[in-house]
């Protein structure tokens, strides 16, 4: 099993970091820093908890004056690159809110080495107008990491971060930044723009549809942004969004094969499915094929998740085949529970065939139906 990400913060990391800090601050009390960091409850702390513990330990061992402490971190920043050094912008988040100009400058510096996307959010909550003006300025910066921060930092639903309720309610302050970056030469930046738009689409789908309609067809970079941004609306089979990309209902599609084997799977195992579709006679059609899985929760309720399988244009009357292995192994983002899981083949937003798979743990169910393998049934 892969080592958890939090394990990157360990005593070896801390002791190597002491050596770096002492180059800029020779009197740094390294042993105190390690003792504070690895203090009570360290083993139980998750990733962000460990990060914050290290930040607070730095706060206790660097110079008491915030700007002097920041001098030390800025002096060694070029040697401290990558994900583990999110502790640098986290230090600014914890101790720098009352030192606006110096802190904002430091966040721009630190984001080039790791990322300040989480640390800017308390500044947004403290003074949204001022911080959004700063982020618009960043959106014009020559460095791609700083331009990305302009978009990533104001995502209303940034994963692992506190939500931004004001921007969830009214995303209009974000539009000038995304407009500035919609055709950015850096894919790294464009991906952030798309993810920001996808966040907004969950609360304001009509606004994202309007933006997509206005932006599409003018620049290949922007077209990619729009498509990636609209992935949530496409999964929801939003008719207007699907039509924007040439995906329209195909009521005459014929399912000539839909097989799923086995139909009883132990948690951690997998099943395999195959499908064949026959396009209606006539002109070529674009087919977006997805697998919808209805997962039961531990509460007895269930939720539906879509997995994209294929999207291509096929000539009228031609067949399209495909298949895949579907795993029921637990993930960090999804835990599986025993019970009936419905697997449904979806074409252009329409359910065309489905089957039930029983997931079990421990001994296999004795019911003969649960042990069978075979095909599913069409829904039309």
Protein backbone atom coordinates (compact mmCIF):
# COMPACT_ATOMS: atom_id res chain seq x y z
CA UNK A 1 0.00 0.00 0.00
CA UNK A 2 1.29 3.47 -0.88
CA UNK A 3 2.57 5.57 2.00
CA UNK A 4 0.13 8.35 2.99
CA UNK A 5 1.07 11.82 1.78
CA UNK A 6 1.32 13.10 5.34
CA UNK A 7 4.35 10.83 5.86
CA UNK A 8 6.51 13.30 3.90
CA UNK A 9 6.49 15.38 7.08
CA UNK A 10 8.72 13.35 9.40
CA UNK A 11 11.77 13.81 11.60
CA UNK A 12 14.17 13.43 8.68
CA UNK A 13 12.40 16.21 6.79
CA UNK A 14 12.45 18.47 9.85
CA UNK A 15 16.15 17.93 10.53
CA UNK A 16 17.10 18.58 6.91
CA UNK A 17 15.02 21.76 7.06
CA UNK A 18 16.94 22.91 10.15
CA UNK A 19 20.16 22.92 8.14
CA UNK A 20 18.57 25.11 5.47
CA UNK A 21 17.11 27.59 7.98
CA UNK A 22 20.42 27.99 9.80
CA UNK A 23 22.07 29.29 6.63
CA UNK A 24 19.92 32.40 6.95
CA UNK A 25 19.35 32.34 10.72
CA UNK A 26 22.32 30.69 12.47
CA UNK A 27 20.76 30.93 15.94
CA UNK A 28 17.68 28.95 14.91
CA UNK A 29 16.85 26.58 17.83
CA UNK A 30 16.53 23.46 15.73
CA UNK A 31 16.02 20.96 18.55
CA UNK A 32 13.20 23.05 19.99
CA UNK A 33 11.63 23.25 16.53
CA UNK A 34 11.73 19.45 16.12
CA UNK A 35 10.42 18.86 19.65
CA UNK A 36 7.49 21.22 19.15
CA UNK A 37 6.65 19.79 15.74
CA UNK A 38 6.73 16.15 16.85
CA UNK A 39 4.93 16.83 20.10
CA UNK A 40 1.78 15.25 21.50
CA UNK A 41 -0.61 13.86 18.90
CA UNK A 42 1.77 14.13 15.92
CA UNK A 43 1.13 10.57 14.72
CA UNK A 44 -2.63 11.17 14.62
CA UNK A 45 -2.40 14.41 12.64
CA UNK A 46 -3.37 14.29 8.97
CA UNK A 47 -1.56 16.19 6.22
CA UNK A 48 -2.92 19.68 6.85
CA UNK A 49 -2.69 19.17 10.60
CA UNK A 50 1.01 18.34 10.33
CA UNK A 51 1.57 21.28 8.04
CA UNK A 52 -0.07 23.65 10.52
CA UNK A 53 1.88 22.13 13.44
CA UNK A 54 5.16 22.82 11.60
CA UNK A 55 4.01 26.36 10.82
CA UNK A 56 3.23 27.04 14.46
CA UNK A 57 6.56 25.55 15.51
CA UNK A 58 8.28 27.97 13.13
CA UNK A 59 6.26 30.77 14.66
CA UNK A 60 7.67 29.80 18.07
CA UNK A 61 11.30 29.50 16.93
CA UNK A 62 11.88 32.11 14.22
CA UNK A 63 12.28 35.77 15.26
CA UNK A 64 9.22 37.03 17.14
CA UNK A 65 8.89 39.96 14.75
CA UNK A 66 6.82 38.76 11.77
CA UNK A 67 8.74 40.70 9.15
CA UNK A 68 12.07 39.48 10.46
CA UNK A 69 10.77 35.89 10.43
CA UNK A 70 9.58 36.41 6.86
CA UNK A 71 13.04 37.69 5.94
CA UNK A 72 14.42 34.29 6.94
CA UNK A 73 11.87 32.31 4.93
CA UNK A 74 12.30 34.51 1.87
CA UNK A 75 16.07 34.14 2.07
CA UNK A 76 15.84 30.33 1.83
CA UNK A 77 12.77 30.07 -0.43
CA UNK A 78 14.74 29.21 -3.56
CA UNK A 79 16.08 26.09 -1.81
CA UNK A 80 12.63 25.00 -0.65
CA UNK A 81 10.58 23.95 -3.64
CA UNK A 82 7.68 21.56 -4.01
CA UNK A 83 4.60 20.43 -2.14
CA UNK A 84 6.20 20.03 1.33
CA UNK A 85 7.02 23.72 1.41
CA UNK A 86 3.40 24.80 1.49
CA UNK A 87 4.45 25.59 5.06
CA UNK A 88 5.89 28.88 3.74
CA UNK A 89 2.59 30.37 2.48
CA UNK A 90 0.86 28.75 5.46
CA UNK A 91 3.16 30.81 7.73
CA UNK A 92 1.94 33.94 5.96
CA UNK A 93 -1.68 32.82 6.35
CA UNK A 94 -1.29 32.27 10.10
CA UNK A 95 0.83 35.26 11.06
CA UNK A 96 0.59 37.81 8.25
CA UNK A 97 -2.98 39.03 7.95
CA UNK A 98 -2.16 42.33 9.66
CA UNK A 99 0.86 42.92 7.41
CA UNK A 100 -0.98 43.14 4.11
CA UNK A 101 1.53 44.50 1.61
CA UNK A 102 4.48 42.49 2.89
CA UNK A 103 2.42 39.31 3.11
CA UNK A 104 0.94 39.63 -0.37
CA UNK A 105 4.41 40.14 -1.80
CA UNK A 106 5.63 37.03 0.03
CA UNK A 107 2.71 34.94 -1.24
CA UNK A 108 3.61 35.87 -4.81
CA UNK A 109 7.19 34.80 -4.16
CA UNK A 110 6.31 31.54 -2.40
CA UNK A 111 3.75 30.44 -4.98
CA UNK A 112 6.56 30.03 -7.54
CA UNK A 113 8.19 27.38 -5.33
CA UNK A 114 5.07 25.57 -4.06
CA UNK A 115 1.64 27.24 -4.14
CA UNK A 116 -0.12 30.01 -2.23
CA UNK A 117 -3.60 29.01 -3.40
CA UNK A 118 -4.77 28.14 0.13
CA UNK A 119 -3.04 30.99 1.93
CA UNK A 120 -4.66 33.78 -0.12
CA UNK A 121 -8.16 32.81 1.01
CA UNK A 122 -8.09 34.42 4.48
CA UNK A 123 -6.97 37.63 2.76
CA UNK A 124 -9.95 37.34 0.40
CA UNK A 125 -12.29 36.89 3.34
CA UNK A 126 -10.76 39.84 5.19
CA UNK A 127 -10.98 42.30 2.29
CA UNK A 128 -12.35 40.75 -0.90
CA UNK A 129 -12.30 43.92 -2.98
CA UNK A 130 -8.68 44.68 -2.19
CA UNK A 131 -7.50 41.11 -2.67
CA UNK A 132 -9.39 40.58 -5.92
CA UNK A 133 -7.79 43.76 -7.27
CA UNK A 134 -4.41 42.26 -6.36
CA UNK A 135 -5.30 38.97 -8.02
CA UNK A 136 -6.34 40.77 -11.20
CA UNK A 137 -2.91 42.41 -11.18
CA UNK A 138 -1.36 38.96 -10.74
CA UNK A 139 -3.35 37.69 -13.74
CA UNK A 140 -1.15 39.94 -15.93
CA UNK A 141 2.15 38.83 -14.39
CA UNK A 142 4.82 37.32 -16.69
CA UNK A 143 5.30 34.32 -14.35
CA UNK A 144 2.82 31.49 -14.99
CA UNK A 145 2.76 30.42 -11.34
CA UNK A 146 1.60 33.86 -10.25
CA UNK A 147 -0.98 34.04 -13.07
CA UNK A 148 -2.30 30.65 -11.97
CA UNK A 149 -2.57 31.88 -8.37
CA UNK A 150 -4.88 34.65 -9.59
CA UNK A 151 -7.37 32.03 -10.76
CA UNK A 152 -6.75 29.12 -8.39
CA UNK A 153 -6.83 31.23 -5.25
CA UNK A 154 -10.34 32.57 -5.93
CA UNK A 155 -11.96 29.27 -6.87
CA UNK A 156 -15.20 29.24 -4.87
CA UNK A 157 -14.92 25.50 -4.11
CA UNK A 158 -11.18 24.84 -4.13
CA UNK A 159 -10.58 21.26 -2.84
CA UNK A 160 -8.83 20.99 0.55
CA UNK A 161 -9.56 24.65 1.19
CA UNK A 162 -12.22 26.66 2.95
CA UNK A 163 -15.03 27.65 0.60
CA UNK A 164 -15.53 31.30 -0.29
CA UNK A 165 -19.22 31.90 0.48
CA UNK A 166 -19.30 35.43 -0.94
CA UNK A 167 -17.92 34.27 -4.29
CA UNK A 168 -20.22 31.25 -4.28
CA UNK A 169 -23.16 33.62 -3.96
CA UNK A 170 -21.86 36.14 -6.49
CA UNK A 171 -18.98 35.11 -8.78
CA UNK A 172 -18.99 38.37 -10.75
CA UNK A 173 -15.69 39.60 -9.20
CA UNK A 174 -13.99 36.52 -10.68
CA UNK A 175 -14.98 37.20 -14.31
CA UNK A 176 -12.31 39.85 -15.10
CA UNK A 177 -9.56 37.47 -13.96
CA UNK A 178 -10.88 34.54 -16.01
CA UNK A 179 -11.40 36.82 -19.01
CA UNK A 180 -7.77 37.87 -18.76
CA UNK A 181 -6.55 34.24 -18.55
CA UNK A 182 -8.98 32.39 -20.84
CA UNK A 183 -6.40 32.01 -23.65
CA UNK A 184 -3.28 31.97 -21.52
CA UNK A 185 -0.27 30.35 -23.25
CA UNK A 186 0.30 28.10 -20.21
CA UNK A 187 -1.82 24.95 -19.93
CA UNK A 188 -1.10 25.06 -16.18
CA UNK A 189 -2.97 28.38 -16.01
CA UNK A 190 -5.75 27.41 -18.42
CA UNK A 191 -6.53 24.29 -16.39
CA UNK A 192 -7.06 26.46 -13.33
CA UNK A 193 -9.42 28.74 -15.30
CA UNK A 194 -11.43 25.68 -16.37
CA UNK A 195 -11.57 24.36 -12.81
CA UNK A 196 -12.69 27.74 -11.53
CA UNK A 197 -15.51 27.82 -14.07
CA UNK A 198 -16.48 24.27 -13.16
CA UNK A 199 -16.72 25.36 -9.52
CA UNK A 200 -18.97 28.25 -10.50
CA UNK A 201 -21.18 26.00 -12.64
CA UNK A 202 -22.29 24.11 -9.52
CA UNK A 203 -23.97 27.23 -8.17
CA UNK A 204 -24.58 29.31 -11.32
CA UNK A 205 -24.89 27.00 -14.34
CA UNK A 206 -26.66 29.65 -16.39
CA UNK A 207 -23.71 32.05 -16.05
CA UNK A 208 -21.18 29.44 -17.13
CA UNK A 209 -23.37 28.46 -20.10
CA UNK A 210 -23.49 32.11 -21.12
CA UNK A 211 -19.71 32.47 -20.83
CA UNK A 212 -19.17 29.28 -22.82
CA UNK A 213 -21.43 30.47 -25.62
CA UNK A 214 -19.62 33.82 -25.76
CA UNK A 215 -16.11 32.37 -25.70
CA UNK A 216 -16.38 29.30 -27.91
CA UNK A 217 -14.94 29.26 -31.41
CA UNK A 218 -12.47 32.14 -31.13
CA UNK A 219 -9.31 30.48 -29.83
CA UNK A 220 -8.26 26.84 -29.55
CA UNK A 221 -6.86 27.38 -26.05
CA UNK A 222 -10.13 28.93 -24.91
CA UNK A 223 -12.15 26.18 -26.55
CA UNK A 224 -10.24 23.64 -24.44
CA UNK A 225 -10.95 25.70 -21.30
CA UNK A 226 -14.66 25.79 -22.08
CA UNK A 227 -14.88 22.07 -22.70
CA UNK A 228 -13.06 21.20 -19.48
CA UNK A 229 -15.06 23.80 -17.55
CA UNK A 230 -18.37 22.35 -18.70
CA UNK A 231 -17.61 18.77 -17.67
CA UNK A 232 -19.99 18.98 -14.71
CA UNK A 233 -22.80 20.31 -16.88
CA UNK A 234 -22.12 17.58 -19.46
CA UNK A 235 -22.27 14.89 -16.76
CA UNK A 236 -25.58 16.36 -15.68
CA UNK A 237 -26.77 16.03 -19.30
CA UNK A 238 -27.61 19.73 -19.42
CA UNK A 239 -29.32 20.05 -22.84
CA UNK A 240 -27.99 23.52 -23.72
CA UNK A 241 -24.42 22.61 -22.82
CA UNK A 242 -24.56 19.34 -24.72
CA UNK A 243 -25.95 21.08 -27.78
CA UNK A 244 -23.08 23.61 -27.59
CA UNK A 245 -20.68 20.72 -28.25
CA UNK A 246 -22.83 19.02 -30.88
CA UNK A 247 -24.15 16.31 -28.56
CA UNK A 248 -27.87 15.85 -29.11
CA UNK A 249 -30.29 13.10 -28.04
CA UNK A 250 -30.24 9.98 -30.22
CA UNK A 251 -33.55 8.23 -29.50
CA UNK A 252 -32.99 5.74 -32.34
CA UNK A 253 -29.67 4.41 -31.06
CA UNK A 254 -29.73 0.59 -30.82
CA UNK A 255 -27.94 -1.36 -28.10
CA UNK A 256 -26.78 -4.58 -29.75
CA UNK A 257 -24.61 -5.73 -26.84
CA UNK A 258 -24.51 -4.92 -23.12
CA UNK A 259 -22.80 -7.52 -20.94
CA UNK A 260 -21.43 -7.27 -17.42
CA UNK A 261 -19.46 -10.10 -15.79
CA UNK A 262 -19.51 -11.07 -12.98
CA UNK A 263 -22.66 -9.73 -11.35
CA UNK A 264 -21.49 -10.54 -7.82
CA UNK A 265 -18.21 -8.95 -6.75
CA UNK A 266 -16.34 -8.83 -3.46
CA UNK A 267 -15.38 -5.36 -2.22
CA UNK A 268 -11.96 -4.67 -3.70
CA UNK A 269 -12.70 -6.76 -6.78
CA UNK A 270 -13.82 -5.78 -10.26
CA UNK A 271 -16.30 -6.52 -12.99
CA UNK A 272 -15.95 -6.14 -16.75
CA UNK A 273 -18.50 -4.72 -19.14
CA UNK A 274 -18.84 -4.58 -22.90
CA UNK A 275 -21.18 -2.66 -25.13
CA UNK A 276 -21.98 -2.31 -28.80
CA UNK A 277 -24.14 0.44 -30.23
CA UNK A 278 -25.64 0.81 -33.68
CA UNK A 279 -26.03 4.39 -34.87
CA UNK A 280 -29.23 5.31 -36.72
CA UNK A 281 -29.11 5.47 -40.50
CA UNK A 282 -28.45 8.84 -42.05
CA UNK A 283 -25.91 11.54 -41.25
CA UNK A 284 -22.94 11.14 -38.92
CA UNK A 285 -23.67 11.65 -35.24
CA UNK A 286 -21.55 12.50 -32.21
CA UNK A 287 -21.90 9.96 -29.43
CA UNK A 288 -20.88 10.66 -25.83
CA UNK A 289 -20.85 7.35 -23.97
CA UNK A 290 -20.73 7.17 -20.19
CA UNK A 291 -21.14 4.63 -17.43
CA UNK A 292 -23.41 5.69 -14.60
CA UNK A 293 -22.97 3.83 -11.32
CA UNK A 294 -25.43 4.08 -8.46
CA UNK A 295 -23.45 3.58 -5.24
CA UNK A 296 -25.21 2.80 -1.96
CA UNK A 297 -24.08 4.75 1.10
CA UNK A 298 -23.69 3.43 4.64
CA UNK A 299 -26.87 5.38 5.54
CA UNK A 300 -28.97 3.33 3.13
CA UNK A 301 -29.24 6.19 0.63
CA UNK A 302 -27.34 6.17 -2.64
CA UNK A 303 -25.56 8.51 -5.04
CA UNK A 304 -24.92 8.43 -8.78
CA UNK A 305 -21.52 8.98 -10.41
CA UNK A 306 -20.74 9.17 -14.12
CA UNK A 307 -17.58 7.87 -15.79
CA UNK A 308 -16.84 9.00 -19.33
CA UNK A 309 -16.05 6.09 -21.65
CA UNK A 310 -15.86 7.59 -25.12
CA UNK A 311 -16.85 10.52 -27.27
CA UNK A 312 -16.56 10.33 -31.03
CA UNK A 313 -18.38 11.02 -34.25
CA UNK A 314 -19.60 7.95 -36.13
CA UNK A 315 -21.20 7.62 -39.53
CA UNK A 316 -24.88 6.76 -39.81
CA UNK A 317 -25.65 3.05 -39.56
CA UNK A 318 -22.21 2.12 -38.16
CA UNK A 319 -21.46 0.18 -34.98
CA UNK A 320 -19.44 1.40 -32.03
CA UNK A 321 -17.94 -1.09 -29.58
CA UNK A 322 -16.16 -0.71 -26.29
CA UNK A 323 -15.61 -2.12 -22.86
CA UNK A 324 -13.73 -1.66 -19.65
CA UNK A 325 -12.88 -3.15 -16.29
CA UNK A 326 -14.62 -1.41 -13.40
CA UNK A 327 -12.95 -1.65 -10.00
CA UNK A 328 -14.74 -1.66 -6.65
CA UNK A 329 -11.52 -1.05 -4.71
CA UNK A 330 -11.77 1.67 -2.07
CA UNK A 331 -10.19 5.03 -2.92
CA UNK A 332 -9.34 8.06 -0.83
CA UNK A 333 -12.34 9.76 -2.43
CA UNK A 334 -14.77 6.83 -2.48
CA UNK A 335 -15.53 4.00 -0.09
CA UNK A 336 -17.60 1.03 -1.18
CA UNK A 337 -20.37 -0.62 0.83
CA UNK A 338 -22.12 -3.97 0.36
CA UNK A 339 -25.33 -3.97 -1.61
CA UNK A 340 -26.80 -3.54 -5.05
CA UNK A 341 -24.92 -1.24 -7.43
CA UNK A 342 -26.72 -0.33 -10.65
CA UNK A 343 -24.49 0.07 -13.73
CA UNK A 344 -26.12 2.01 -16.54
CA UNK A 345 -24.93 2.74 -20.06
CA UNK A 346 -25.63 6.38 -20.95
CA UNK A 347 -25.52 7.74 -24.51
CA UNK A 348 -25.81 11.50 -25.07
CA UNK A 349 -27.38 11.89 -21.64
CA UNK A 350 -29.94 9.11 -22.13
CA UNK A 351 -29.92 5.82 -20.21
CA UNK A 352 -30.05 3.01 -22.76
CA UNK A 353 -29.19 -0.17 -20.80
CA UNK A 354 -28.60 -1.15 -17.18
CA UNK A 355 -27.79 -4.05 -14.91
CA UNK A 356 -27.44 -4.66 -11.17
CA UNK A 357 -24.19 -5.85 -9.58
CA UNK A 358 -24.15 -7.07 -5.99
CA UNK A 359 -21.13 -6.03 -3.97
CA UNK A 360 -20.36 -8.12 -0.90
CA UNK A 361 -17.69 -8.42 1.77
CA UNK A 362 -16.48 -11.64 3.33
CA UNK A 363 -18.21 -14.80 2.17
CA UNK A 364 -19.92 -14.69 -1.21
CA UNK A 365 -23.74 -14.52 -1.03
CA UNK A 366 -25.38 -17.92 -1.18
CA UNK A 367 -28.24 -16.76 -3.36
CA UNK A 368 -27.71 -18.28 -6.80
CA UNK A 369 -28.82 -15.12 -8.57
CA UNK A 370 -26.05 -13.17 -6.86
CA UNK A 371 -23.47 -15.60 -8.24
CA UNK A 372 -24.54 -15.43 -11.84
CA UNK A 373 -22.71 -13.73 -14.65
CA UNK A 374 -24.28 -12.34 -17.73
CA UNK A 375 -25.71 -9.40 -19.61
CA UNK A 376 -27.83 -6.48 -18.58
CA UNK A 377 -31.14 -5.23 -19.78
CA UNK A 378 -32.04 -2.32 -21.97
CA UNK A 379 -34.03 0.50 -20.42
CA UNK A 380 -36.13 1.29 -23.48
